């Protein structure tokens, strides 16, 4: 007999709340039972170890990011660089819930870098699809800039002054269009 996926989702939602509120270090089976209402047996059926659960949370975050990119992409579907603009906007849109999740996961990832394997696989798959010609290298620079902006702001470094942030993002989107036009 298989357990309904609803229990799995309840566990993931509860785990995400715990990570956001108290960090991954405080994510225990006891806390999950309390927060999710799913028995310990139900939790371990879906996630044999805490690491399995943390990886599933990271995979869920990746899926949510891809969904947000797809949503953003629909606004620019006819434009050159639509996919890249969607990525830039996804990385640069302030999202306090995501920031809390990332903050809660940092100590776990620092302790066990293997937890990032789902992200590594995601990036490897994306990179394998790219042509890596000069235009693709330029587009990769913009992807890296968008991620760098996220991490700079996440850590409070603010390399871009707040009053210039919008101008920088608009320029990145303009470059995405220019660098994505067919030659």
Foldseek 3Di string as FASTA:
>chain_A
DDDDCVLVVLLLVQQLVCLLPPALVPDDLVSSCVRRVDHSVSNCVCPVDSLSSLLVNVVVVVVVLVVQLVVQLVVVVPAFLSSLLSLLCSLPPDDSSVLSSCVRCVVVCVVPVCSCVVVVVVVVVVVVPDPPDPLVVQSVVLNVVSNVCSVCVSVPVCPDPPVCVVVVSVVSVVVSRVSRDDD
